[in-house]
C-alpha atoms as a PDB file:
ATOM      1  CA  UNK A   1      -0.805 -13.894  -8.640  1.00  0.00           C
ATOM      2  CA  UNK A   2       0.627 -12.503  -5.329  1.00  0.00           C
ATOM      3  CA  UNK A   3      -1.533  -9.366  -5.701  1.00  0.00           C
ATOM      4  CA  UNK A   4      -4.721 -11.391  -6.053  1.00  0.00           C
ATOM      5  CA  UNK A   5      -3.886 -13.232  -2.796  1.00  0.00           C
ATOM      6  CA  UNK A   6      -3.332  -9.782  -1.003  1.00  0.00           C
ATOM      7  CA  UNK A   7      -6.573  -8.320  -2.426  1.00  0.00           C
ATOM      8  CA  UNK A   8      -8.461 -11.540  -1.461  1.00  0.00           C
ATOM      9  CA  UNK A   9      -7.303 -11.437   2.199  1.00  0.00           C
ATOM     10  CA  UNK A  10      -7.719  -7.601   2.379  1.00  0.00           C
ATOM     11  CA  UNK A  11     -11.366  -7.977   1.523  1.00  0.00           C
ATOM     12  CA  UNK A  12     -12.198 -11.257   3.255  1.00  0.00           C
ATOM     13  CA  UNK A  13     -13.907 -11.013   6.531  1.00  0.00           C
ATOM     14  CA  UNK A  14     -11.734  -9.471   9.146  1.00  0.00           C
ATOM     15  CA  UNK A  15     -11.384 -12.342  11.916  1.00  0.00           C
ATOM     16  CA  UNK A  16     -10.501  -9.670  14.646  1.00  0.00           C
ATOM     17  CA  UNK A  17     -12.836  -7.752  16.828  1.00  0.00           C
ATOM     18  CA  UNK A  18     -12.712  -5.262  19.674  1.00  0.00           C
ATOM     19  CA  UNK A  19     -14.921  -4.986  22.715  1.00  0.00           C
ATOM     20  CA  UNK A  20     -15.326  -2.370  25.608  1.00  0.00           C
ATOM     21  CA  UNK A  21     -16.727  -3.801  28.817  1.00  0.00           C
ATOM     22  CA  UNK A  22     -19.548  -1.902  30.509  1.00  0.00           C
ATOM     23  CA  UNK A  23     -18.449  -0.364  33.960  1.00  0.00           C
ATOM     24  CA  UNK A  24     -19.919   0.225  37.424  1.00  0.00           C
ATOM     25  CA  UNK A  25     -18.275   2.501  39.689  1.00  0.00           C
ATOM     26  CA  UNK A  26     -18.747   5.047  42.502  1.00  0.00           C
ATOM     27  CA  UNK A  27     -18.610   8.762  41.892  1.00  0.00           C
ATOM     28  CA  UNK A  28     -15.193  10.402  42.701  1.00  0.00           C
ATOM     29  CA  UNK A  29     -13.458   7.105  42.844  1.00  0.00           C
ATOM     30  CA  UNK A  30     -10.951   5.937  40.347  1.00  0.00           C
ATOM     31  CA  UNK A  31     -11.531   2.776  38.134  1.00  0.00           C
ATOM     32  CA  UNK A  32     -10.467   1.428  34.781  1.00  0.00           C
ATOM     33  CA  UNK A  33     -12.399   0.739  31.518  1.00  0.00           C
ATOM     34  CA  UNK A  34     -11.365  -2.457  30.029  1.00  0.00           C
ATOM     35  CA  UNK A  35     -10.985  -2.569  26.325  1.00  0.00           C
ATOM     36  CA  UNK A  36     -10.184  -6.003  24.533  1.00  0.00           C
ATOM     37  CA  UNK A  37      -8.841  -6.556  21.159  1.00  0.00           C
ATOM     38  CA  UNK A  38      -9.665 -10.194  20.160  1.00  0.00           C
ATOM     39  CA  UNK A  39      -6.892 -11.924  18.250  1.00  0.00           C
ATOM     40  CA  UNK A  40      -7.674 -15.345  16.632  1.00  0.00           C
ATOM     41  CA  UNK A  41      -5.191 -18.269  16.812  1.00  0.00           C
ATOM     42  CA  UNK A  42      -2.399 -17.908  14.113  1.00  0.00           C
ATOM     43  CA  UNK A  43      -2.864 -14.145  13.751  1.00  0.00           C
ATOM     44  CA  UNK A  44      -1.213 -11.124  15.319  1.00  0.00           C
ATOM     45  CA  UNK A  45      -1.903  -7.294  15.903  1.00  0.00           C
ATOM     46  CA  UNK A  46       0.739  -4.589  15.446  1.00  0.00           C
ATOM     47  CA  UNK A  47       0.871  -2.420  18.684  1.00  0.00           C
ATOM     48  CA  UNK A  48       1.809   0.678  16.452  1.00  0.00           C
ATOM     49  CA  UNK A  49      -1.326   0.254  14.513  1.00  0.00           C
ATOM     50  CA  UNK A  50      -3.532   0.143  17.597  1.00  0.00           C
ATOM     51  CA  UNK A  51      -5.401   3.167  19.074  1.00  0.00           C
ATOM     52  CA  UNK A  52      -8.026   3.525  21.734  1.00  0.00           C
ATOM     53  CA  UNK A  53      -9.857   6.873  21.776  1.00  0.00           C
ATOM     54  CA  UNK A  54     -13.106   7.955  23.490  1.00  0.00           C
ATOM     55  CA  UNK A  55     -15.451  10.911  22.648  1.00  0.00           C
ATOM     56  CA  UNK A  56     -15.486  13.156  25.597  1.00  0.00           C
ATOM     57  CA  UNK A  57     -18.437  12.654  28.111  1.00  0.00           C
ATOM     58  CA  UNK A  58     -19.613  15.214  30.672  1.00  0.00           C
ATOM     59  CA  UNK A  59     -18.983  13.754  34.086  1.00  0.00           C
ATOM     60  CA  UNK A  60     -16.274  11.467  32.974  1.00  0.00           C
ATOM     61  CA  UNK A  61     -12.419  12.049  32.959  1.00  0.00           C
ATOM     62  CA  UNK A  62     -10.429   9.434  30.996  1.00  0.00           C
ATOM     63  CA  UNK A  63      -6.695   8.754  31.330  1.00  0.00           C
ATOM     64  CA  UNK A  64      -4.213   7.442  28.788  1.00  0.00           C
ATOM     65  CA  UNK A  65      -4.943   3.985  27.586  1.00  0.00           C
ATOM     66  CA  UNK A  66      -2.218   1.524  29.112  1.00  0.00           C
ATOM     67  CA  UNK A  67      -1.239  -1.222  26.711  1.00  0.00           C
ATOM     68  CA  UNK A  68       0.459  -4.465  27.946  1.00  0.00           C
ATOM     69  CA  UNK A  69       3.928  -5.235  26.515  1.00  0.00           C
ATOM     70  CA  UNK A  70       3.908  -7.351  23.257  1.00  0.00           C
ATOM     71  CA  UNK A  71       6.906  -9.219  21.819  1.00  0.00           C
ATOM     72  CA  UNK A  72       9.138  -8.018  18.993  1.00  0.00           C
ATOM     73  CA  UNK A  73       9.235  -9.608  15.530  1.00  0.00           C
ATOM     74  CA  UNK A  74      11.146  -8.652  12.410  1.00  0.00           C
ATOM     75  CA  UNK A  75       8.969  -6.412  10.181  1.00  0.00           C
ATOM     76  CA  UNK A  76       8.043  -8.637   7.151  1.00  0.00           C
ATOM     77  CA  UNK A  77       8.218  -5.485   4.909  1.00  0.00           C
ATOM     78  CA  UNK A  78      11.675  -4.485   6.179  1.00  0.00           C
ATOM     79  CA  UNK A  79      13.383  -7.298   8.217  1.00  0.00           C
ATOM     80  CA  UNK A  80      15.885  -4.874   9.525  1.00  0.00           C
ATOM     81  CA  UNK A  81      13.171  -3.255  11.619  1.00  0.00           C
ATOM     82  CA  UNK A  82      11.387  -4.764  14.581  1.00  0.00           C
ATOM     83  CA  UNK A  83       7.775  -4.332  15.533  1.00  0.00           C
ATOM     84  CA  UNK A  84       5.830  -5.029  18.671  1.00  0.00           C
ATOM     85  CA  UNK A  85       3.026  -7.408  18.128  1.00  0.00           C
ATOM     86  CA  UNK A  86       0.356  -9.341  20.172  1.00  0.00           C
ATOM     87  CA  UNK A  87      -0.561 -12.893  19.008  1.00  0.00           C
ATOM     88  CA  UNK A  88      -3.364 -13.407  21.673  1.00  0.00           C
ATOM     89  CA  UNK A  89      -6.175 -11.251  23.023  1.00  0.00           C
ATOM     90  CA  UNK A  90      -5.018  -7.917  24.253  1.00  0.00           C
ATOM     91  CA  UNK A  91      -6.559  -6.191  27.241  1.00  0.00           C
ATOM     92  CA  UNK A  92      -5.948  -2.334  27.358  1.00  0.00           C
ATOM     93  CA  UNK A  93      -6.867  -0.351  30.520  1.00  0.00           C
ATOM     94  CA  UNK A  94      -8.119   3.135  30.489  1.00  0.00           C
ATOM     95  CA  UNK A  95      -8.072   5.118  33.873  1.00  0.00           C
ATOM     96  CA  UNK A  96     -11.427   6.770  34.628  1.00  0.00           C
ATOM     97  CA  UNK A  97     -12.877   9.073  37.270  1.00  0.00           C
ATOM     98  CA  UNK A  98     -16.508   9.975  37.400  1.00  0.00           C
ATOM     99  CA  UNK A  99     -17.495  13.488  38.683  1.00  0.00           C
ATOM    100  CA  UNK A 100     -21.266  12.916  38.401  1.00  0.00           C
ATOM    101  CA  UNK A 101     -23.675  10.091  39.036  1.00  0.00           C
ATOM    102  CA  UNK A 102     -26.014   8.286  36.606  1.00  0.00           C
ATOM    103  CA  UNK A 103     -25.790   6.057  33.528  1.00  0.00           C
ATOM    104  CA  UNK A 104     -23.432   7.580  31.190  1.00  0.00           C
ATOM    105  CA  UNK A 105     -22.876   6.331  27.583  1.00  0.00           C
ATOM    106  CA  UNK A 106     -19.347   6.339  26.161  1.00  0.00           C
ATOM    107  CA  UNK A 107     -18.509   6.030  22.537  1.00  0.00           C
ATOM    108  CA  UNK A 108     -15.072   4.483  21.691  1.00  0.00           C
ATOM    109  CA  UNK A 109     -13.007   4.412  18.522  1.00  0.00           C
ATOM    110  CA  UNK A 110     -10.743   1.298  18.509  1.00  0.00           C
ATOM    111  CA  UNK A 111      -8.306   1.212  15.709  1.00  0.00           C
ATOM    112  CA  UNK A 112      -6.224  -1.913  14.819  1.00  0.00           C
ATOM    113  CA  UNK A 113      -4.487  -3.762  12.005  1.00  0.00           C
ATOM    114  CA  UNK A 114      -4.163  -7.536  12.087  1.00  0.00           C
ATOM    115  CA  UNK A 115      -2.099 -10.000  10.056  1.00  0.00           C
ATOM    116  CA  UNK A 116      -1.657 -13.619   9.451  1.00  0.00           C
ATOM    117  CA  UNK A 117       1.854 -14.643   8.698  1.00  0.00           C
ATOM    118  CA  UNK A 118       3.045 -11.907   6.247  1.00  0.00           C
ATOM    119  CA  UNK A 119      -0.527 -11.184   4.864  1.00  0.00           C
ATOM    120  CA  UNK A 120      -2.336  -8.267   6.573  1.00  0.00           C
ATOM    121  CA  UNK A 121      -6.010  -7.118   6.620  1.00  0.00           C
ATOM    122  CA  UNK A 122      -6.775  -3.495   6.044  1.00  0.00           C
ATOM    123  CA  UNK A 123      -6.605  -1.258   9.167  1.00  0.00           C
ATOM    124  CA  UNK A 124      -9.963  -1.126  10.716  1.00  0.00           C
ATOM    125  CA  UNK A 125     -11.760   1.169  13.245  1.00  0.00           C
ATOM    126  CA  UNK A 126     -14.558  -0.288  15.327  1.00  0.00           C
ATOM    127  CA  UNK A 127     -16.924   2.313  16.788  1.00  0.00           C
ATOM    128  CA  UNK A 128     -18.410   0.828  20.035  1.00  0.00           C
ATOM    129  CA  UNK A 129     -20.739   2.257  22.777  1.00  0.00           C
ATOM    130  CA  UNK A 130     -20.433   1.073  26.291  1.00  0.00           C
ATOM    131  CA  UNK A 131     -22.237   2.289  29.558  1.00  0.00           C
ATOM    132  CA  UNK A 132     -20.589   3.572  32.755  1.00  0.00           C
ATOM    133  CA  UNK A 133     -23.080   3.186  35.654  1.00  0.00           C
ATOM    134  CA  UNK A 134     -21.998   5.650  38.367  1.00  0.00           C
ATOM    135  CA  UNK A 135     -23.426   5.279  41.760  1.00  0.00           C
ATOM    136  CA  UNK A 136     -23.426   8.232  44.363  1.00  0.00           C
ATOM    137  CA  UNK A 137     -20.375   8.671  46.539  1.00  0.00           C
ATOM    138  CA  UNK A 138     -20.733   7.119  49.989  1.00  0.00           C
ATOM    139  CA  UNK A 139     -18.516   9.739  51.684  1.00  0.00           C
ATOM    140  CA  UNK A 140     -19.624   9.983  55.396  1.00  0.00           C
ATOM    141  CA  UNK A 141     -21.658  13.026  56.451  1.00  0.00           C
ATOM    142  CA  UNK A 142     -19.775  15.316  58.870  1.00  0.00           C
END
């Protein structure tokens, strides 16, 4: 019976989603790309199951994603272990610098695993495209 419940939850529609916000910035200046993991009420995401990756794009330099601090809960599979979780929408910031102007398309792979109580959905990776509009630098002419 328990296995049927787990299988049903695993194949049911995943209520989580991920988003990457489009960005406008100026060439040679630093900014951040904002990535959101939307967590529905009564659910949570495991921080150690989250990953933010981007395909390299000529003209963009991306830094290491910065996750906020979640809170610790006892791992349902092994209560002696603690795991960091998020139980509301998570904003991850990725530092970015543009070395050329124009409209650049980025492709992101956003991986996560969400749960409700002690039942979890299968890990999922959303592949999302987002644009970065880079205006020319306004450095003064000497």
